[in-house]
Amino acid sequence: MRQAVRRAVLPLLCVLALCIGLFPGRAGAASGTIYFTAVNDTILPLSASSMPMVSGGALYVPYTMFDPNSTGISLGVSCSYSHSGNTLTIYNLRQMLVYDLDAGNARNQHTGYVYSAHAVTRNGVVYVPVSFTCDFFGLRWSNTITAYGNLIRITNSAAVLDDADFIDAGSPWMASRLQEYLQSQNVPDPGPSPEPQPSTGPGGDDDPAGGQVRLSFLCATGEGWEDILELLDQYGVHALFFLPADLLAQQGDLTRRTVGSGHSVGLLLRGQDPEDALKQWEEGRALLARVARAQTFMAAGADGLADALTAEGALFWSGGIDAVPAEDTGAATLAANTFRAISRRDGDIPVTMDDSAVSAQALATLLRQLRAEGYTFALTVETDF
């Protein structure tokens, strides 16, 4: 049945994806996370001028994603923007939500209740918080990390494909549209990695420099989590964060910010007991779906848990360079030791840190040194396991 549905919808995705070429992005330098958007089973145009964004830890999308006059797809709501009142109204026969951009709030027009949620304007486009707006009208949304960027999808009961099949069917066109988008933004195609040139690394050996670093963080406490996010944003670097279920439950805003900023998220499993780890994995996946509308199969934990988790479909992280500080390790020492370990490798270089304050302080030095030495960064996703 699933294959039949996919065959039925795939030609539609092909036509719609080809239409994206009619809406080239605005010329300029591309920066930050690439967000694809979709409504039900339709991929929308990829444009720099209307790219979703994160503000105050919440993910915002152009209000036009909800507007059938803009997308050609009905989610059961309509939209009206008043220039004179600087208000955006999203409504259907049962509910009416008014975003007042001057007051910085949202109002349920039928009950008079005022919410702290607010719309923002960027590049002349009004953006609304996707989670709050979807919850208000009973719509579903998801933020899925793909090989081509994040996919923000809003659906109602008319959607045919689930997210996995939708991404599977639309991947060829996402790849094509991403290449066209990057060209329109004057971003060169990275192409194959150049051959590394010999250089003398900090350790004194003639080691090749300029490899590709993949950062991951074991967030056991949340202590330096926000500081690490700030540093990664500053350098335009994306990383893989492993979060335990209890931290997901406590830090919903930071979890949403992490996912919304384009980072990958896996689950950090505590302890040594495989049966308990499986329970943590299931609980964590359910929490991540509820808190951030994201899904993951990635996990990290004690080596003894790998077989049990892998048998249940988990992708278990091997870690690469261990850059988790010992109890008496200072930030300067951690940065120097980690940089030395990286400089002795080439190609793809996975590095695992934790979310301690020491790691956050060391990261500032490490990012600066790696950039100065010509290293690049790559995001680890599920297909890399």
Protein backbone atom coordinates (compact mmCIF):
# COMPACT_ATOMS: atom_id res chain seq x y z
CA MET A 1 0.00 0.00 0.00
CA ARG A 2 2.81 2.41 0.94
CA GLN A 3 4.60 1.77 -2.36
CA ALA A 4 1.39 2.41 -4.27
CA VAL A 5 0.83 5.69 -2.47
CA ARG A 6 4.42 6.73 -3.14
CA ARG A 7 4.05 5.97 -6.86
CA ALA A 8 0.89 8.05 -6.95
CA VAL A 9 2.39 11.06 -5.23
CA LEU A 10 5.89 10.97 -6.74
CA PRO A 11 4.85 12.45 -10.13
CA LEU A 12 3.13 15.29 -8.26
CA LEU A 13 6.30 15.98 -6.27
CA CYS A 14 8.27 16.00 -9.50
CA VAL A 15 6.04 18.62 -11.08
CA LEU A 16 5.97 20.74 -7.95
CA ALA A 17 9.71 20.52 -7.46
CA LEU A 18 10.31 21.60 -11.04
CA CYS A 19 8.13 24.62 -10.32
CA ILE A 20 10.59 25.70 -7.65
CA GLY A 21 12.92 26.77 -10.43
CA LEU A 22 10.42 29.51 -11.29
CA PHE A 23 11.12 31.18 -7.93
CA PRO A 24 14.89 31.74 -7.67
CA GLY A 25 16.28 32.99 -4.37
CA ARG A 26 17.40 36.60 -4.01
CA ALA A 27 21.03 37.14 -5.02
CA GLY A 28 23.44 37.51 -2.14
CA ALA A 29 25.60 35.49 0.18
CA ALA A 30 23.88 32.48 1.66
CA SER A 31 24.40 32.01 5.39
CA GLY A 32 23.04 29.97 8.26
CA THR A 33 20.84 26.88 8.07
CA ILE A 34 19.18 25.93 4.79
CA TYR A 35 15.47 25.32 5.39
CA PHE A 36 13.23 23.61 2.86
CA THR A 37 9.51 24.08 3.48
CA ALA A 38 6.56 21.91 2.56
CA VAL A 39 2.79 21.97 3.00
CA ASN A 40 1.12 18.57 2.99
CA ASP A 41 2.69 16.76 0.00
CA THR A 42 4.08 19.84 -1.75
CA ILE A 43 7.62 21.21 -1.58
CA LEU A 44 7.53 25.01 -1.61
CA PRO A 45 10.00 27.32 -3.38
CA LEU A 46 13.45 27.63 -1.77
CA SER A 47 14.16 31.33 -1.30
CA ALA A 48 16.60 33.37 0.78
CA SER A 49 14.04 36.13 1.25
CA SER A 50 11.54 33.83 2.98
CA MET A 51 13.80 31.29 4.72
CA PRO A 52 12.49 30.08 8.12
CA MET A 53 14.50 31.35 11.05
CA VAL A 54 15.01 30.94 14.80
CA SER A 55 14.17 33.87 17.07
CA GLY A 56 14.23 33.74 20.86
CA GLY A 57 14.65 29.96 20.73
CA ALA A 58 11.47 29.48 18.65
CA LEU A 59 11.27 28.48 15.00
CA TYR A 60 9.49 31.02 12.78
CA VAL A 61 8.10 30.51 9.26
CA PRO A 62 6.62 32.97 6.75
CA TYR A 63 2.89 33.30 7.35
CA THR A 64 2.42 32.49 3.65
CA MET A 65 2.95 28.81 4.50
CA PHE A 66 -0.56 28.95 6.01
CA ASP A 67 -2.02 31.04 3.17
CA PRO A 68 -3.73 29.00 0.40
CA ASN A 69 -3.53 32.02 -1.90
CA SER A 70 0.28 31.83 -1.66
CA THR A 71 0.86 28.07 -1.68
CA GLY A 72 -2.15 26.81 -3.61
CA ILE A 73 -2.75 24.26 -0.83
CA SER A 74 -5.42 24.60 1.82
CA LEU A 75 -4.67 23.76 5.44
CA GLY A 76 -8.20 24.74 6.41
CA VAL A 77 -7.24 28.31 7.36
CA SER A 78 -7.04 31.66 5.58
CA CYS A 79 -4.78 34.68 6.14
CA SER A 80 -5.26 38.45 5.97
CA TYR A 81 -2.63 41.12 6.62
CA SER A 82 -3.67 44.69 7.46
CA HIS A 83 -1.04 47.29 6.55
CA SER A 84 -2.91 50.07 8.37
CA GLY A 85 -3.27 48.12 11.60
CA ASN A 86 -0.01 46.16 11.21
CA THR A 87 -1.86 42.99 12.14
CA LEU A 88 -1.93 39.51 10.66
CA THR A 89 -5.11 37.47 11.03
CA ILE A 90 -5.20 33.70 10.53
CA TYR A 91 -8.68 32.23 10.74
CA ASN A 92 -11.23 29.58 9.82
CA LEU A 93 -14.91 29.14 10.58
CA ARG A 94 -14.25 28.18 14.21
CA GLN A 95 -11.19 30.18 15.29
CA MET A 96 -9.47 33.51 14.65
CA LEU A 97 -5.92 34.37 15.72
CA VAL A 98 -4.71 37.97 15.39
CA TYR A 99 -0.99 38.75 15.54
CA ASP A 100 -0.49 42.41 16.52
CA LEU A 101 3.03 43.31 15.37
CA ASP A 102 3.02 46.67 17.17
CA ALA A 103 1.86 45.25 20.50
CA GLY A 104 4.03 42.16 20.15
CA ASN A 105 1.37 39.64 21.04
CA ALA A 106 -1.34 37.35 19.64
CA ARG A 107 -5.04 37.43 20.48
CA ASN A 108 -7.79 34.85 20.27
CA GLN A 109 -10.41 37.04 18.65
CA HIS A 110 -13.29 34.86 19.82
CA THR A 111 -12.36 34.70 23.52
CA GLY A 112 -10.29 37.87 23.83
CA TYR A 113 -7.41 35.95 25.42
CA VAL A 114 -3.99 37.51 24.71
CA TYR A 115 -0.92 35.30 24.27
CA SER A 116 2.74 36.30 24.59
CA ALA A 117 3.47 34.63 21.26
CA HIS A 118 4.23 37.23 18.61
CA ALA A 119 4.96 37.68 14.91
CA VAL A 120 8.12 39.30 13.55
CA THR A 121 9.06 40.94 10.26
CA ARG A 122 12.13 40.17 8.18
CA ASN A 123 12.83 41.36 4.62
CA GLY A 124 9.30 42.76 4.51
CA VAL A 125 7.83 39.31 5.23
CA VAL A 126 5.76 38.57 8.34
CA TYR A 127 6.91 35.46 10.22
CA VAL A 128 4.90 33.54 12.82
CA PRO A 129 5.98 30.92 15.40
CA VAL A 130 5.22 27.63 13.69
CA SER A 131 4.66 25.58 16.85
CA PHE A 132 2.19 28.00 18.46
CA THR A 133 0.27 28.65 15.23
CA CYS A 134 -0.05 24.97 14.37
CA ASP A 135 -1.13 24.07 17.90
CA PHE A 136 -3.77 26.83 17.85
CA PHE A 137 -5.41 25.45 14.69
CA GLY A 138 -4.81 21.74 15.36
CA LEU A 139 -2.25 21.34 12.55
CA ARG A 140 0.80 19.07 12.59
CA TRP A 141 4.34 20.20 11.86
CA SER A 142 7.77 18.64 11.83
CA ASN A 143 11.39 19.74 11.55
CA THR A 144 13.46 16.96 10.00
CA ILE A 145 17.18 17.10 9.29
CA THR A 146 17.88 15.77 5.78
CA ALA A 147 21.04 15.43 3.71
CA TYR A 148 20.20 18.75 2.03
CA GLY A 149 19.10 20.90 4.97
CA ASN A 150 16.23 21.06 7.43
CA LEU A 151 12.74 20.33 6.13
CA ILE A 152 9.92 22.22 7.85
CA ARG A 153 6.63 20.55 6.94
CA ILE A 154 3.10 21.57 7.96
CA THR A 155 0.29 19.08 7.41
CA ASN A 156 -3.36 18.41 8.07
CA SER A 157 -5.47 15.31 7.47
CA ALA A 158 -5.17 15.76 3.68
CA ALA A 159 -1.47 14.79 3.67
CA VAL A 160 -0.85 11.43 2.02
CA LEU A 161 2.79 10.60 2.81
CA ASP A 162 4.45 10.43 6.21
CA ASP A 163 7.65 12.45 6.65
CA ALA A 164 10.00 9.55 5.90
CA ASP A 165 8.31 8.63 2.60
CA PHE A 166 7.90 12.28 1.65
CA ILE A 167 11.62 12.95 2.08
CA ASP A 168 12.50 9.72 0.30
CA ALA A 169 10.33 10.65 -2.68
CA GLY A 170 11.41 14.29 -2.80
CA SER A 171 15.17 13.90 -2.17
CA PRO A 172 16.28 14.04 -5.84
CA TRP A 173 14.55 17.38 -6.32
CA MET A 174 15.72 18.75 -2.99
CA ALA A 175 19.28 18.03 -4.11
CA SER A 176 18.71 19.75 -7.44
CA ARG A 177 16.99 22.79 -5.93
CA LEU A 178 19.72 23.14 -3.30
CA GLN A 179 22.39 23.29 -5.99
CA GLU A 180 20.40 25.93 -7.90
CA TYR A 181 19.83 27.90 -4.70
CA LEU A 182 23.52 27.93 -3.78
CA GLN A 183 24.43 29.06 -7.29
CA SER A 184 21.87 31.87 -7.06
CA GLN A 185 23.47 32.96 -3.79
CA ASN A 186 26.94 32.97 -5.36
CA VAL A 187 28.08 30.12 -3.11
CA PRO A 188 30.54 27.88 -5.00
CA ASP A 189 29.82 24.18 -5.25
CA PRO A 190 32.29 22.61 -2.79
CA GLY A 191 32.96 19.73 -5.18
CA PRO A 192 35.46 17.06 -4.21
CA SER A 193 37.72 17.84 -1.26
CA PRO A 194 41.19 19.02 -2.34
CA GLU A 195 44.19 16.87 -1.64
CA PRO A 196 45.65 17.90 1.74
CA GLN A 197 49.03 19.61 1.60
CA PRO A 198 51.77 18.68 4.03
CA SER A 199 52.33 21.05 6.93
CA THR A 200 53.98 20.90 10.29
CA GLY A 201 51.33 20.43 12.98
CA PRO A 202 51.56 21.45 16.61
CA GLY A 203 52.91 18.04 17.51
CA GLY A 204 55.99 18.59 15.33
CA ASP A 205 55.11 15.91 12.73
CA ASP A 206 54.57 16.60 9.06
CA ASP A 207 50.81 16.09 9.29
CA PRO A 208 48.26 17.09 6.65
CA ALA A 209 46.04 19.96 7.79
CA GLY A 210 42.68 21.18 6.59
CA GLY A 211 40.52 18.11 7.24
CA GLN A 212 36.79 18.07 7.92
CA VAL A 213 35.83 18.13 11.59
CA ARG A 214 32.54 16.70 12.88
CA LEU A 215 31.77 17.96 16.38
CA SER A 216 29.48 16.16 18.80
CA PHE A 217 28.57 16.99 22.39
CA LEU A 218 27.46 14.69 25.21
CA CYS A 219 25.06 16.92 27.14
CA ALA A 220 24.97 15.19 30.51
CA THR A 221 24.15 18.26 32.62
CA GLY A 222 23.20 21.14 30.31
CA GLU A 223 25.78 23.33 32.09
CA GLY A 224 27.47 24.79 29.02
CA TRP A 225 24.84 23.85 26.44
CA GLU A 226 23.62 27.39 25.72
CA ASP A 227 27.17 28.81 25.61
CA ILE A 228 28.16 26.10 23.13
CA LEU A 229 25.17 26.94 20.93
CA GLU A 230 26.17 30.62 20.96
CA LEU A 231 29.71 29.80 19.87
CA LEU A 232 28.57 27.47 17.10
CA ASP A 233 26.16 30.13 15.83
CA GLN A 234 28.97 32.69 15.87
CA TYR A 235 31.18 30.48 13.69
CA GLY A 236 28.38 29.10 11.52
CA VAL A 237 29.15 25.53 12.62
CA HIS A 238 26.59 22.75 13.10
CA ALA A 239 27.13 19.86 15.48
CA LEU A 240 25.55 16.71 16.86
CA PHE A 241 24.11 16.96 20.38
CA PHE A 242 23.35 13.87 22.47
CA LEU A 243 20.69 14.68 25.09
CA PRO A 244 19.40 12.47 27.92
CA ALA A 245 15.65 12.09 28.34
CA ASP A 246 15.54 14.01 31.64
CA LEU A 247 17.32 17.01 30.09
CA LEU A 248 14.91 16.96 27.14
CA ALA A 249 12.04 17.19 29.59
CA GLN A 250 13.61 20.03 31.57
CA GLN A 251 15.05 22.16 28.75
CA GLY A 252 12.37 22.32 26.08
CA ASP A 253 13.37 25.78 24.86
CA LEU A 254 17.03 24.87 24.43
CA THR A 255 16.06 21.63 22.70
CA ARG A 256 13.87 23.51 20.24
CA ARG A 257 16.63 26.05 19.68
CA THR A 258 19.13 23.27 19.01
CA VAL A 259 16.89 21.55 16.47
CA GLY A 260 15.69 24.81 14.96
CA SER A 261 19.27 26.05 14.46
CA GLY A 262 20.03 23.07 12.25
CA HIS A 263 21.98 20.88 14.66
CA SER A 264 21.51 17.10 14.81
CA VAL A 265 20.11 15.56 17.99
CA GLY A 266 20.65 12.07 19.36
CA LEU A 267 19.93 10.50 22.73
CA LEU A 268 22.45 10.15 25.56
CA LEU A 269 21.83 6.94 27.48
CA ARG A 270 22.92 6.81 31.10
CA GLY A 271 24.22 3.78 32.98
CA GLN A 272 25.32 0.31 31.90
CA ASP A 273 22.09 -1.72 31.91
CA PRO A 274 20.90 -2.52 28.35
CA GLU A 275 17.25 -2.98 29.37
CA ASP A 276 17.17 0.39 31.13
CA ALA A 277 18.95 2.00 28.18
CA LEU A 278 16.23 0.76 25.83
CA LYS A 279 13.60 2.37 28.05
CA GLN A 280 15.58 5.64 28.04
CA TRP A 281 15.85 5.47 24.26
CA GLU A 282 12.11 4.99 23.77
CA GLU A 283 11.25 7.68 26.31
CA GLY A 284 13.77 10.11 24.81
CA ARG A 285 12.50 9.62 21.26
CA ALA A 286 8.92 10.25 22.40
CA LEU A 287 10.02 13.38 24.31
CA LEU A 288 12.00 14.73 21.35
CA ALA A 289 8.99 14.29 19.08
CA ARG A 290 6.73 16.06 21.56
CA VAL A 291 9.11 18.86 22.58
CA ALA A 292 10.73 19.70 19.24
CA ARG A 293 8.70 17.83 16.59
CA ALA A 294 11.89 15.99 15.63
CA GLN A 295 12.85 12.35 15.41
CA THR A 296 16.14 10.52 15.80
CA PHE A 297 17.64 7.04 15.77
CA MET A 298 21.08 8.20 16.97
CA ALA A 299 22.30 7.27 20.45
CA ALA A 300 25.44 7.41 22.57
CA GLY A 301 26.36 5.73 25.83
CA ALA A 302 28.54 3.06 27.38
CA ASP A 303 30.13 0.63 24.90
CA GLY A 304 28.29 -2.28 26.50
CA LEU A 305 24.95 -0.87 25.34
CA ALA A 306 25.77 -0.89 21.63
CA ASP A 307 24.60 -4.42 20.75
CA ALA A 308 21.23 -4.13 22.51
CA LEU A 309 20.47 -0.70 21.04
CA THR A 310 21.62 -1.60 17.54
CA ALA A 311 19.34 -4.66 17.58
CA GLU A 312 16.39 -2.30 18.19
CA GLY A 313 17.30 -0.05 15.26
CA ALA A 314 19.42 2.54 17.04
CA LEU A 315 22.48 4.07 15.39
CA PHE A 316 25.21 3.93 18.04
CA TRP A 317 27.90 6.62 18.12
CA SER A 318 31.52 5.48 18.23
CA GLY A 319 32.83 8.92 19.20
CA GLY A 320 36.10 9.47 17.30
CA ILE A 321 38.54 11.71 19.18
CA ASP A 322 37.67 11.75 22.89
CA ALA A 323 37.78 15.41 23.93
CA VAL A 324 35.77 15.08 27.16
CA PRO A 325 37.84 16.78 29.88
CA ALA A 326 39.06 14.93 32.95
CA GLU A 327 38.13 16.35 36.32
CA ASP A 328 41.39 18.33 36.67
CA THR A 329 41.74 19.41 33.01
CA GLY A 330 41.62 23.15 32.34
CA ALA A 331 40.15 24.81 29.23
CA ALA A 332 43.53 25.81 27.75
CA THR A 333 44.91 22.29 28.16
CA LEU A 334 41.77 20.73 26.68
CA ALA A 335 41.88 23.03 23.64
CA ALA A 336 45.59 22.35 23.04
CA ASN A 337 45.26 18.56 23.44
CA THR A 338 42.20 18.39 21.20
CA PHE A 339 43.80 20.52 18.49
CA ARG A 340 46.92 18.35 18.62
CA ALA A 341 44.84 15.18 18.22
CA ILE A 342 42.92 16.67 15.27
CA SER A 343 46.12 17.85 13.56
CA ARG A 344 47.43 14.28 13.51
CA ARG A 345 44.52 13.16 11.34
CA ASP A 346 43.17 14.04 7.95
CA GLY A 347 39.96 13.47 6.01
CA ASP A 348 36.84 13.07 8.15
CA ILE A 349 37.61 13.79 11.83
CA PRO A 350 34.87 13.12 14.42
CA VAL A 351 35.43 14.80 17.80
CA THR A 352 33.34 14.21 20.93
CA MET A 353 33.19 16.82 23.71
CA ASP A 354 30.80 17.28 26.62
CA ASP A 355 28.68 20.25 27.70
CA SER A 356 30.77 21.28 30.70
CA ALA A 357 31.86 24.89 31.25
CA VAL A 358 35.45 23.78 30.58
CA SER A 359 34.45 22.39 27.16
CA ALA A 360 32.56 25.57 26.31
CA GLN A 361 35.63 27.68 27.16
CA ALA A 362 37.94 25.36 25.22
CA LEU A 363 35.59 25.38 22.22
CA ALA A 364 36.07 29.13 21.71
CA THR A 365 39.83 28.63 21.33
CA LEU A 366 39.47 25.44 19.33
CA LEU A 367 37.09 26.89 16.73
CA ARG A 368 39.36 29.88 16.20
CA GLN A 369 42.46 27.68 15.76
CA LEU A 370 40.78 25.21 13.42
CA ARG A 371 39.44 27.96 11.19
CA ALA A 372 42.86 29.64 11.08
CA GLU A 373 44.46 26.34 9.99
CA GLY A 374 41.98 25.81 7.17
CA TYR A 375 39.81 23.08 8.69
CA THR A 376 36.18 22.87 7.64
CA PHE A 377 33.20 21.51 9.59
CA ALA A 378 30.48 19.05 8.70
CA LEU A 379 27.26 18.06 10.43
CA THR A 380 26.86 14.41 11.38
CA VAL A 381 23.48 13.01 10.37
CA GLU A 382 22.00 9.53 10.50
CA THR A 383 23.31 8.55 7.06
CA ASP A 384 26.87 9.04 8.37
CA PHE A 385 26.59 6.15 10.84
